[in-house]
Amino acid sequence: MTADLHTHSTASDGTFTPTKLVEAAHSLGISLLALTDHDTTAGVSEALAAARRLGMGFLPGVELSAEGPPGKCHLLGLGIDPNYPCLIETLRQLSQKRHERNLKIVGRLNALGITITMEDVVAHAPQGANIGRPHFAATLVALGAVADTKEAFARYLGDEAAANVEKETLSPAEAIALVHEAGGLCFLAHPGLLRRSQHETHESRVRALTALGLDGIEAYYSSYTPANEAFFLRLAEKLGLLVTGGSDFHGANKPDVPLGVVRDGQPLELTLLPSRLRALAVA
């Protein structure tokens, strides 16, 4: 029995619909799946219905961007109530801020000599998607402004690129509290990818987040080496944290990240996840 607790659908920046994602996971023999779209739970109800139809375990989830003390990070909320009113309202506000950011990116691209409109971007995104930079990248490729997505991010959309606009986010403390209010457990996503200051260690960052109420870390992740994995498992044990694991599957937007492949090119055994986390499955 295997699990993948970090996946994305067309509700954010994946290329599989929630239903197709669940069906693909089922066909691979995945026993427990979490949908963790960026700053939205719009795909959860559809994914849950598909999981129940197929008799699969399912965890409602979300991936929240956070910035502020002790630093910028992504946080996974697993086992949340996707209908919790405060969660819905907060995500609605984040979606509005995302839309405002998107309009600024359009303006910057226009100023750089690329003729692009918000309508163009929407046309190159799945219906109902929470529009973000991957959809801008697809549009730039379609318009012939760049050769591929990699060039789009390198030249225009990456964090330090010419047309990027920083998005407004929750602070880590706010994000952790929101996940808890919605009944879920909060995990630091892919800690191995953290951007740290010169004198900061992984342990110091995770300790600071733990003081804010963090429940665990993503100790199993598709791009980790066995040494990375062992390091984060030791860190979790040292700090008394839970662990989770996932592929970070996005479909064609991350073609080198297959669904269900989490540990050094292999699936993640369900028994490696803590019972407290597995108990939150709703299907």
Protein backbone atom coordinates (compact mmCIF):
# COMPACT_ATOMS: atom_id res chain seq x y z
CA MET A 1 0.00 0.00 0.00
CA THR A 2 1.43 3.35 -1.07
CA ALA A 3 0.74 7.06 -0.65
CA ASP A 4 1.34 10.37 -2.39
CA LEU A 5 0.44 13.35 -0.22
CA HIS A 6 1.62 16.22 -2.42
CA THR A 7 -0.10 16.63 -5.79
CA HIS A 8 -1.60 19.40 -7.90
CA SER A 9 -4.53 19.58 -10.31
CA THR A 10 -5.96 22.01 -12.83
CA ALA A 11 -7.49 23.90 -9.89
CA SER A 12 -4.03 25.47 -9.49
CA ASP A 13 -1.04 24.73 -11.72
CA GLY A 14 -1.34 21.03 -12.54
CA THR A 15 -2.49 19.64 -15.89
CA PHE A 16 -4.70 16.78 -14.65
CA THR A 17 -8.25 17.54 -13.57
CA PRO A 18 -9.00 16.43 -10.01
CA THR A 19 -10.92 13.43 -11.33
CA LYS A 20 -8.18 12.44 -13.77
CA LEU A 21 -5.58 12.81 -11.02
CA VAL A 22 -7.44 10.44 -8.70
CA GLU A 23 -8.07 7.95 -11.51
CA ALA A 24 -4.38 8.00 -12.45
CA ALA A 25 -3.38 7.44 -8.83
CA HIS A 26 -5.83 4.55 -8.54
CA SER A 27 -4.45 2.95 -11.70
CA LEU A 28 -0.98 3.08 -10.13
CA GLY A 29 -2.20 1.31 -7.01
CA ILE A 30 -1.84 4.34 -4.75
CA SER A 31 -3.82 3.71 -1.56
CA LEU A 32 -3.87 7.23 -0.09
CA LEU A 33 -3.77 10.46 -2.10
CA ALA A 34 -3.80 14.10 -1.03
CA LEU A 35 -4.70 16.97 -3.35
CA THR A 36 -2.66 20.02 -2.28
CA ASP A 37 -3.30 22.75 -4.82
CA HIS A 38 -1.66 26.14 -4.31
CA ASP A 39 -3.77 28.48 -2.18
CA THR A 40 -7.05 26.85 -3.20
CA THR A 41 -9.30 23.93 -2.30
CA ALA A 42 -11.45 24.33 -5.41
CA GLY A 43 -10.60 20.85 -6.70
CA VAL A 44 -11.05 18.95 -3.43
CA SER A 45 -14.76 18.10 -3.67
CA GLU A 46 -14.35 16.69 -7.19
CA ALA A 47 -11.29 14.67 -6.18
CA LEU A 48 -13.04 13.35 -3.07
CA ALA A 49 -16.03 12.20 -5.10
CA ALA A 50 -13.73 10.34 -7.50
CA ALA A 51 -11.81 8.76 -4.61
CA ARG A 52 -15.01 7.54 -2.98
CA ARG A 53 -16.23 6.12 -6.28
CA LEU A 54 -12.99 4.17 -6.64
CA GLY A 55 -12.68 3.15 -3.00
CA MET A 56 -9.40 5.03 -2.46
CA GLY A 57 -8.11 6.78 0.63
CA PHE A 58 -8.10 10.57 0.26
CA LEU A 59 -6.83 13.53 2.30
CA PRO A 60 -8.19 17.01 1.55
CA GLY A 61 -5.25 19.38 1.42
CA VAL A 62 -3.83 22.72 0.37
CA GLU A 63 -0.36 24.17 -0.18
CA LEU A 64 -0.05 27.66 1.26
CA SER A 65 2.67 30.11 0.32
CA ALA A 66 3.95 31.96 3.38
CA GLU A 67 6.39 34.81 3.88
CA GLY A 68 7.55 36.54 7.01
CA PRO A 69 9.45 35.53 10.15
CA PRO A 70 11.21 33.10 10.20
CA GLY A 71 11.33 33.13 6.38
CA LYS A 72 9.65 32.34 3.08
CA CYS A 73 8.27 28.81 2.76
CA HIS A 74 5.48 26.59 1.51
CA LEU A 75 3.25 24.84 4.02
CA LEU A 76 1.06 21.80 3.42
CA GLY A 77 -2.27 21.61 5.21
CA LEU A 78 -3.36 17.96 5.27
CA GLY A 79 -6.67 16.58 6.53
CA ILE A 80 -8.32 20.00 6.48
CA ASP A 81 -12.03 20.73 6.28
CA PRO A 82 -12.21 22.33 2.81
CA ASN A 83 -15.55 23.92 3.73
CA TYR A 84 -14.32 25.67 6.87
CA PRO A 85 -15.64 29.26 6.47
CA CYS A 86 -12.47 31.08 7.60
CA LEU A 87 -10.37 28.96 5.24
CA ILE A 88 -12.69 29.65 2.31
CA GLU A 89 -12.68 33.40 2.97
CA THR A 90 -8.91 33.59 3.40
CA LEU A 91 -8.34 31.68 0.16
CA ARG A 92 -10.82 33.98 -1.59
CA GLN A 93 -8.81 36.99 -0.47
CA LEU A 94 -5.57 35.35 -1.61
CA SER A 95 -7.17 34.62 -4.99
CA GLN A 96 -8.09 38.30 -5.37
CA LYS A 97 -4.52 39.32 -4.53
CA ARG A 98 -3.26 36.77 -7.05
CA HIS A 99 -5.48 38.32 -9.73
CA GLU A 100 -4.08 41.77 -8.95
CA ARG A 101 -0.55 40.37 -9.19
CA ASN A 102 -1.36 38.76 -12.55
CA LEU A 103 -2.47 42.11 -13.96
CA LYS A 104 0.85 43.64 -12.84
CA ILE A 105 2.76 40.83 -14.57
CA VAL A 106 0.82 41.55 -17.78
CA GLY A 107 1.85 45.20 -17.46
CA ARG A 108 5.50 44.34 -16.97
CA LEU A 109 5.54 41.98 -19.93
CA ASN A 110 3.93 44.66 -22.10
CA ALA A 111 6.56 47.14 -20.96
CA LEU A 112 9.23 44.62 -22.01
CA GLY A 113 7.78 44.58 -25.54
CA ILE A 114 5.67 41.42 -25.31
CA THR A 115 2.08 41.92 -26.43
CA ILE A 116 0.03 39.82 -24.03
CA THR A 117 -3.34 40.24 -22.32
CA MET A 118 -4.97 38.60 -19.32
CA GLU A 119 -7.44 37.07 -21.76
CA ASP A 120 -4.55 35.37 -23.55
CA VAL A 121 -3.37 33.81 -20.31
CA VAL A 122 -6.84 32.61 -19.33
CA ALA A 123 -7.21 31.04 -22.78
CA HIS A 124 -4.06 28.98 -22.18
CA ALA A 125 -5.14 27.74 -18.74
CA PRO A 126 -7.54 24.93 -17.84
CA GLN A 127 -11.08 26.06 -17.14
CA GLY A 128 -11.45 27.20 -13.53
CA ALA A 129 -7.71 27.25 -12.85
CA ASN A 130 -6.27 29.59 -10.23
CA ILE A 131 -4.14 31.54 -12.73
CA GLY A 132 -0.44 31.76 -11.91
CA ARG A 133 3.02 31.90 -13.43
CA PRO A 134 2.91 28.44 -15.12
CA HIS A 135 -0.07 29.66 -17.16
CA PHE A 136 1.85 32.80 -18.14
CA ALA A 137 4.74 30.55 -19.19
CA ALA A 138 2.45 28.43 -21.39
CA THR A 139 1.09 31.60 -22.98
CA LEU A 140 4.56 32.98 -23.69
CA VAL A 141 5.49 29.72 -25.39
CA ALA A 142 2.28 29.78 -27.46
CA LEU A 143 2.95 33.37 -28.50
CA GLY A 144 6.47 32.49 -29.61
CA ALA A 145 8.07 34.85 -27.11
CA VAL A 146 10.14 32.00 -25.64
CA ALA A 147 11.07 28.51 -26.74
CA ASP A 148 9.85 26.69 -23.65
CA THR A 149 8.69 27.01 -20.05
CA LYS A 150 12.25 26.94 -18.73
CA GLU A 151 13.16 30.00 -20.80
CA ALA A 152 9.94 31.74 -19.76
CA PHE A 153 10.88 31.49 -16.09
CA ALA A 154 14.56 32.26 -16.66
CA ARG A 155 13.90 35.43 -18.66
CA TYR A 156 10.59 36.74 -17.38
CA LEU A 157 8.75 34.88 -14.60
CA GLY A 158 11.28 33.48 -12.13
CA ASP A 159 11.70 35.05 -8.69
CA GLU A 160 14.50 37.33 -9.88
CA ALA A 161 13.32 37.73 -13.49
CA ALA A 162 12.26 40.90 -15.25
CA ALA A 163 8.47 40.56 -15.19
CA ASN A 164 7.97 38.82 -11.86
CA VAL A 165 5.86 40.46 -9.17
CA GLU A 166 6.05 39.23 -5.60
CA LYS A 167 2.73 37.84 -4.44
CA GLU A 168 1.07 38.75 -1.19
CA THR A 169 0.92 35.82 1.18
CA LEU A 170 0.10 34.81 4.71
CA SER A 171 2.86 34.79 7.29
CA PRO A 172 4.02 31.34 8.43
CA ALA A 173 2.26 31.89 11.78
CA GLU A 174 -1.00 32.81 10.03
CA ALA A 175 -0.80 29.85 7.65
CA ILE A 176 -0.11 27.34 10.43
CA ALA A 177 -2.96 28.74 12.54
CA LEU A 178 -5.34 28.60 9.57
CA VAL A 179 -4.58 24.94 8.89
CA HIS A 180 -5.17 24.10 12.55
CA GLU A 181 -8.44 26.05 12.62
CA ALA A 182 -9.56 24.03 9.58
CA GLY A 183 -8.88 20.80 11.48
CA GLY A 184 -5.70 19.78 9.67
CA LEU A 185 -2.04 19.12 10.35
CA CYS A 186 0.55 21.56 9.00
CA PHE A 187 3.81 20.39 7.40
CA LEU A 188 6.76 22.28 5.95
CA ALA A 189 6.81 21.37 2.26
CA HIS A 190 10.09 20.21 0.67
CA PRO A 191 12.41 21.62 3.37
CA GLY A 192 15.38 20.61 1.24
CA LEU A 193 14.43 23.36 -1.22
CA LEU A 194 14.33 26.15 1.35
CA ARG A 195 16.21 29.32 0.58
CA ARG A 196 18.19 30.04 3.74
CA SER A 197 20.23 33.01 4.86
CA GLN A 198 23.99 32.67 5.13
CA HIS A 199 23.99 31.81 8.83
CA GLU A 200 20.75 29.82 8.90
CA THR A 201 20.52 26.03 9.03
CA HIS A 202 17.67 23.72 8.18
CA GLU A 203 17.38 22.92 11.87
CA SER A 204 17.19 26.54 12.96
CA ARG A 205 14.45 27.28 10.42
CA VAL A 206 12.42 24.19 11.33
CA ARG A 207 12.85 24.94 15.05
CA ALA A 208 11.48 28.44 14.53
CA LEU A 209 8.48 27.10 12.61
CA THR A 210 7.92 24.43 15.27
CA ALA A 211 7.68 27.21 17.86
CA LEU A 212 4.82 28.61 15.76
CA GLY A 213 2.95 25.29 15.90
CA LEU A 214 4.29 23.38 12.89
CA ASP A 215 3.27 19.71 13.12
CA GLY A 216 5.82 18.13 10.80
CA ILE A 217 8.00 18.21 7.70
CA GLU A 218 7.95 16.63 4.27
CA ALA A 219 10.78 14.19 4.94
CA TYR A 220 10.00 12.09 1.85
CA TYR A 221 10.10 14.02 -1.44
CA SER A 222 10.59 13.11 -5.06
CA SER A 223 13.84 15.03 -5.64
CA TYR A 224 15.58 13.96 -2.43
CA THR A 225 18.57 11.66 -2.42
CA PRO A 226 18.65 8.89 0.22
CA ALA A 227 21.02 11.12 2.21
CA ASN A 228 18.56 14.04 2.08
CA GLU A 229 15.76 11.79 3.24
CA ALA A 230 17.81 10.36 6.11
CA PHE A 231 18.77 13.89 7.23
CA PHE A 232 15.18 15.09 7.41
CA LEU A 233 13.97 11.94 9.12
CA ARG A 234 16.62 12.46 11.80
CA LEU A 235 15.65 16.12 12.12
CA ALA A 236 11.97 15.22 12.54
CA GLU A 237 12.81 12.69 15.23
CA LYS A 238 15.08 15.14 17.02
CA LEU A 239 12.42 17.84 17.11
CA GLY A 240 9.47 15.52 17.78
CA LEU A 241 7.79 16.26 14.45
CA LEU A 242 5.53 14.16 12.25
CA VAL A 243 6.59 13.33 8.70
CA THR A 244 4.81 13.28 5.38
CA GLY A 245 5.84 12.61 1.80
CA GLY A 246 4.80 13.32 -1.74
CA SER A 247 5.85 13.61 -5.34
CA ASP A 248 4.78 17.26 -5.96
CA PHE A 249 3.13 16.01 -9.15
CA HIS A 250 2.01 18.71 -11.62
CA GLY A 251 1.48 16.64 -14.77
CA ALA A 252 2.92 18.17 -17.94
CA ASN A 253 4.01 21.29 -16.06
CA LYS A 254 6.66 19.15 -14.29
CA PRO A 255 7.12 16.27 -16.73
CA ASP A 256 10.12 14.91 -14.84
CA VAL A 257 8.04 14.34 -11.66
CA PRO A 258 5.86 11.22 -12.03
CA LEU A 259 2.80 10.66 -9.89
CA GLY A 260 3.41 8.34 -6.96
CA VAL A 261 7.20 8.36 -7.23
CA VAL A 262 8.39 9.73 -3.88
CA ARG A 263 11.44 7.90 -2.48
CA ASP A 264 14.55 7.66 -4.67
CA GLY A 265 12.47 6.76 -7.72
CA GLN A 266 10.15 4.48 -5.76
CA PRO A 267 6.67 4.75 -4.22
CA LEU A 268 6.16 5.77 -0.59
CA GLU A 269 4.99 2.91 1.59
CA LEU A 270 1.85 3.89 3.49
CA THR A 271 3.24 2.38 6.70
CA LEU A 272 6.04 5.00 6.76
CA LEU A 273 3.48 7.72 7.48
CA PRO A 274 2.36 8.40 11.06
CA SER A 275 -0.97 6.91 12.11
CA ARG A 276 -2.13 10.35 13.25
CA LEU A 277 -1.89 11.57 9.67
CA ARG A 278 -3.38 8.47 8.07
CA ALA A 279 -6.32 8.71 10.46
CA LEU A 280 -7.40 11.98 8.80
CA ALA A 281 -8.30 10.23 5.52
CA VAL A 282 -11.92 10.88 4.57
CA ALA A 283 -12.42 8.31 1.81
